[in-house]
Amino acid sequence: MERGLVTAALYGRVYDRDHTPTSP
C-alpha cells in the first residue's frame, strides 16, 4: 500500500498498490 503511494508520487501518476511502475 505504501509502495503504491510512493510510486505515484515519484512518477507523478496514480498507481495501484499492486500495480508495478513502468519506465517514465
C-alpha atoms as a PDB file:
ATOM      1  CA  MET A   1       0.000   0.000   0.000  1.00  0.00           C
ATOM      2  CA  GLU A   2       2.772   2.411   0.928  1.00  0.00           C
ATOM      3  CA  ARG A   3       4.789   1.434  -2.121  1.00  0.00           C
ATOM      4  CA  GLY A   4       1.923   2.406  -4.396  1.00  0.00           C
ATOM      5  CA  LEU A   5       1.668   5.843  -2.817  1.00  0.00           C
ATOM      6  CA  VAL A   6       5.407   6.424  -3.072  1.00  0.00           C
ATOM      7  CA  THR A   7       5.428   5.234  -6.657  1.00  0.00           C
ATOM      8  CA  ALA A   8       2.582   7.560  -7.582  1.00  0.00           C
ATOM      9  CA  ALA A   9       4.428  10.469  -6.017  1.00  0.00           C
ATOM     10  CA  LEU A  10       7.703   9.682  -7.764  1.00  0.00           C
ATOM     11  CA  TYR A  11       6.225   9.008 -11.182  1.00  0.00           C
ATOM     12  CA  GLY A  12       3.533  11.623 -10.756  1.00  0.00           C
ATOM     13  CA  ARG A  13       0.897   9.080 -11.706  1.00  0.00           C
ATOM     14  CA  VAL A  14      -1.816   7.178  -9.899  1.00  0.00           C
ATOM     15  CA  TYR A  15      -0.771   3.558  -9.432  1.00  0.00           C
ATOM     16  CA  ASP A  16      -2.427   0.730  -7.573  1.00  0.00           C
ATOM     17  CA  ARG A  17      -0.749  -0.825  -4.553  1.00  0.00           C
ATOM     18  CA  ASP A  18      -0.195  -3.974  -6.625  1.00  0.00           C
ATOM     19  CA  HIS A  19       0.495  -2.107  -9.829  1.00  0.00           C
ATOM     20  CA  THR A  20       4.115  -2.135 -10.946  1.00  0.00           C
ATOM     21  CA  PRO A  21       5.503   1.193 -12.195  1.00  0.00           C
ATOM     22  CA  THR A  22       6.795   1.379 -15.756  1.00  0.00           C
ATOM     23  CA  SER A  23       9.545   3.473 -17.270  1.00  0.00           C
ATOM     24  CA  PRO A  24       8.510   7.133 -17.424  1.00  0.00           C
END
